[in-house]
Amino acid sequence: MTPHVKLTVTDRNGRKCVSTGSPWEPIVGYSRAVREGDFIFVTGTLGLQPDGRFGPTLKAQARRALEIIIAAIEALGGKASDVVRTRIYVTDIANWREAGEVHSEFFESIRPATTMVQIAKLIDEAALVEIEADAVIHHEGGERIA
């Protein structure tokens, strides 16, 4: 399900961390995703294409952001069905349906808790949407290991 997403997994302070090589990761000092125990936290993710450009629409950017998020979760041993919470930040709430429809494509059967809000701007002028996700790993048999 996840098209080409460049990922690097490392151990940092006893945690598994994923980098996608975004230009902001080394400047801000963050990881795309961090796994601590059975929890995966995915930072705010823009819909940056492999060529470093943004898609032309909020819908295209939301789709790419969710592809990156799912790829990061999978790299840390999770699945889309492990997502329990998402947060969607849009620069124009009038276009909320574009982000909502893509979110539904990825999570219709999962139905994580979610929030969508309008913000003034994102880190890049071309960015129209940023998405975060939290996941809880479910082990075989549906049980979580403490």
Protein backbone atom coordinates (compact mmCIF):
# COMPACT_ATOMS: atom_id res chain seq x y z
CA MET A 1 0.00 0.00 0.00
CA THR A 2 2.89 2.38 0.54
CA PRO A 3 4.53 3.71 -2.62
CA HIS A 4 8.19 4.66 -2.57
CA VAL A 5 9.11 6.18 0.75
CA LYS A 6 12.78 6.45 1.71
CA LEU A 7 13.16 5.30 5.32
CA THR A 8 16.03 4.86 7.73
CA VAL A 9 15.46 3.07 11.05
CA THR A 10 17.90 3.70 13.90
CA ASP A 11 18.14 3.07 17.64
CA ARG A 12 18.26 6.22 19.75
CA ASN A 13 18.16 6.16 23.54
CA GLY A 14 16.60 2.69 23.56
CA ARG A 15 13.90 3.65 21.07
CA LYS A 16 13.45 2.77 17.41
CA CYS A 17 13.32 5.91 15.28
CA VAL A 18 12.45 6.43 11.62
CA SER A 19 13.82 9.16 9.41
CA THR A 20 12.39 9.96 5.98
CA GLY A 21 15.18 12.38 5.15
CA SER A 22 12.98 15.46 5.11
CA PRO A 23 14.96 18.69 4.95
CA TRP A 24 13.61 19.79 8.35
CA GLU A 25 14.54 16.71 10.43
CA PRO A 26 18.20 17.64 11.09
CA ILE A 27 17.43 21.35 11.56
CA VAL A 28 14.65 20.81 14.10
CA GLY A 29 16.15 17.64 15.58
CA TYR A 30 13.24 15.22 15.31
CA SER A 31 12.38 11.78 13.96
CA ARG A 32 9.54 11.08 11.54
CA ALA A 33 8.35 8.35 13.91
CA VAL A 34 9.38 6.90 17.25
CA ARG A 35 8.49 3.52 18.74
CA GLU A 36 8.51 3.19 22.51
CA GLY A 37 7.28 -0.25 23.60
CA ASP A 38 3.97 -0.92 21.86
CA PHE A 39 3.42 2.75 20.99
CA ILE A 40 4.36 4.50 17.76
CA PHE A 41 4.19 8.27 17.47
CA VAL A 42 4.41 9.84 14.01
CA THR A 43 5.30 13.52 13.85
CA GLY A 44 3.47 16.04 11.71
CA THR A 45 3.96 14.87 8.14
CA LEU A 46 3.70 16.91 4.97
CA GLY A 47 2.88 15.40 1.58
CA LEU A 48 6.36 15.82 0.13
CA GLN A 49 6.86 13.75 -3.04
CA PRO A 50 10.09 11.76 -3.61
CA ASP A 51 11.31 14.57 -5.90
CA GLY A 52 10.99 17.09 -3.04
CA ARG A 53 7.95 18.88 -4.44
CA PHE A 54 4.39 19.07 -3.18
CA GLY A 55 1.35 17.75 -5.02
CA PRO A 56 -0.89 20.40 -6.60
CA THR A 57 -3.93 19.84 -4.35
CA LEU A 58 -4.67 19.36 -0.68
CA LYS A 59 -6.04 15.92 -1.56
CA ALA A 60 -2.80 14.86 -3.29
CA GLN A 61 -0.72 16.17 -0.39
CA ALA A 62 -2.91 14.42 2.20
CA ARG A 63 -2.60 11.12 0.31
CA ARG A 64 1.19 11.39 0.18
CA ALA A 65 1.40 12.38 3.86
CA LEU A 66 -0.63 9.31 4.84
CA GLU A 67 1.50 7.07 2.61
CA ILE A 68 4.60 8.33 4.44
CA ILE A 69 2.92 7.87 7.83
CA ILE A 70 1.87 4.28 7.08
CA ALA A 71 5.34 3.46 5.72
CA ALA A 72 6.94 4.80 8.92
CA ILE A 73 4.55 2.79 11.09
CA GLU A 74 5.25 -0.36 9.07
CA ALA A 75 9.01 0.22 9.35
CA LEU A 76 8.57 0.13 13.14
CA GLY A 77 6.58 -3.12 13.11
CA GLY A 78 3.07 -1.69 13.01
CA LYS A 79 0.20 -1.62 10.54
CA ALA A 80 -2.39 0.92 9.46
CA SER A 81 -4.91 -0.94 11.61
CA ASP A 82 -2.81 -0.08 14.70
CA VAL A 83 -3.51 3.66 14.29
CA VAL A 84 -5.64 4.97 17.16
CA ARG A 85 -5.37 8.75 16.69
CA THR A 86 -4.71 11.22 13.89
CA ARG A 87 -4.49 14.99 13.77
CA ILE A 88 -4.99 16.90 10.54
CA TYR A 89 -3.87 20.52 10.11
CA VAL A 90 -5.09 22.36 7.00
CA THR A 91 -4.34 25.88 5.83
CA ASP A 92 -7.91 26.36 4.54
CA ILE A 93 -10.73 24.62 6.40
CA ALA A 94 -13.03 25.27 3.43
CA ASN A 95 -11.15 22.37 1.77
CA TRP A 96 -11.62 20.01 4.73
CA ARG A 97 -13.46 17.46 2.62
CA GLU A 98 -10.36 16.77 0.46
CA ALA A 99 -8.35 15.75 3.52
CA GLY A 100 -11.32 13.95 5.03
CA GLU A 101 -11.96 11.81 1.96
CA VAL A 102 -8.33 10.69 1.77
CA HIS A 103 -8.29 9.98 5.52
CA SER A 104 -11.38 7.83 5.02
CA GLU A 105 -9.69 5.88 2.19
CA PHE A 106 -6.91 4.90 4.60
CA PHE A 107 -8.91 4.51 7.82
CA GLU A 108 -12.61 3.90 7.04
CA SER A 109 -12.60 0.44 8.62
CA ILE A 110 -10.30 1.49 11.47
CA ARG A 111 -11.96 4.73 12.53
CA PRO A 112 -9.23 6.25 14.72
CA ALA A 113 -10.00 9.26 16.86
CA THR A 114 -9.14 12.35 14.82
CA THR A 115 -9.04 16.11 14.91
CA MET A 116 -8.95 18.52 11.98
CA VAL A 117 -8.17 22.20 12.46
CA GLN A 118 -7.23 25.18 10.33
CA ILE A 119 -3.89 26.79 10.97
CA ALA A 120 -2.37 29.99 9.59
CA LYS A 121 0.49 28.34 7.70
CA LEU A 122 2.87 25.41 7.62
CA ILE A 123 6.68 25.23 7.43
CA ASP A 124 6.65 25.54 3.61
CA GLU A 125 4.42 27.94 1.66
CA ALA A 126 3.45 25.16 -0.79
CA ALA A 127 2.24 22.84 2.01
CA LEU A 128 -1.54 22.71 2.40
CA VAL A 129 -1.90 19.93 4.99
CA GLU A 130 0.09 18.25 7.76
CA ILE A 131 -0.95 15.01 9.46
CA GLU A 132 0.16 13.28 12.69
CA ALA A 133 -0.65 9.76 13.89
CA ASP A 134 -0.34 7.61 16.99
CA ALA A 135 -0.49 3.82 16.89
CA VAL A 136 -0.64 1.00 19.43
CA ILE A 137 0.85 -2.28 18.23
CA HIS A 138 -1.51 -5.22 18.46
CA HIS A 139 0.17 -8.59 18.79
CA GLU A 140 -1.04 -11.96 17.51
CA GLY A 141 -4.29 -12.88 19.18
CA GLY A 142 -5.16 -9.19 19.59
CA GLU A 143 -3.45 -8.87 22.96
CA ARG A 144 -1.08 -6.07 23.84
CA ILE A 145 2.09 -6.95 25.69
CA ALA A 146 2.75 -4.69 28.68
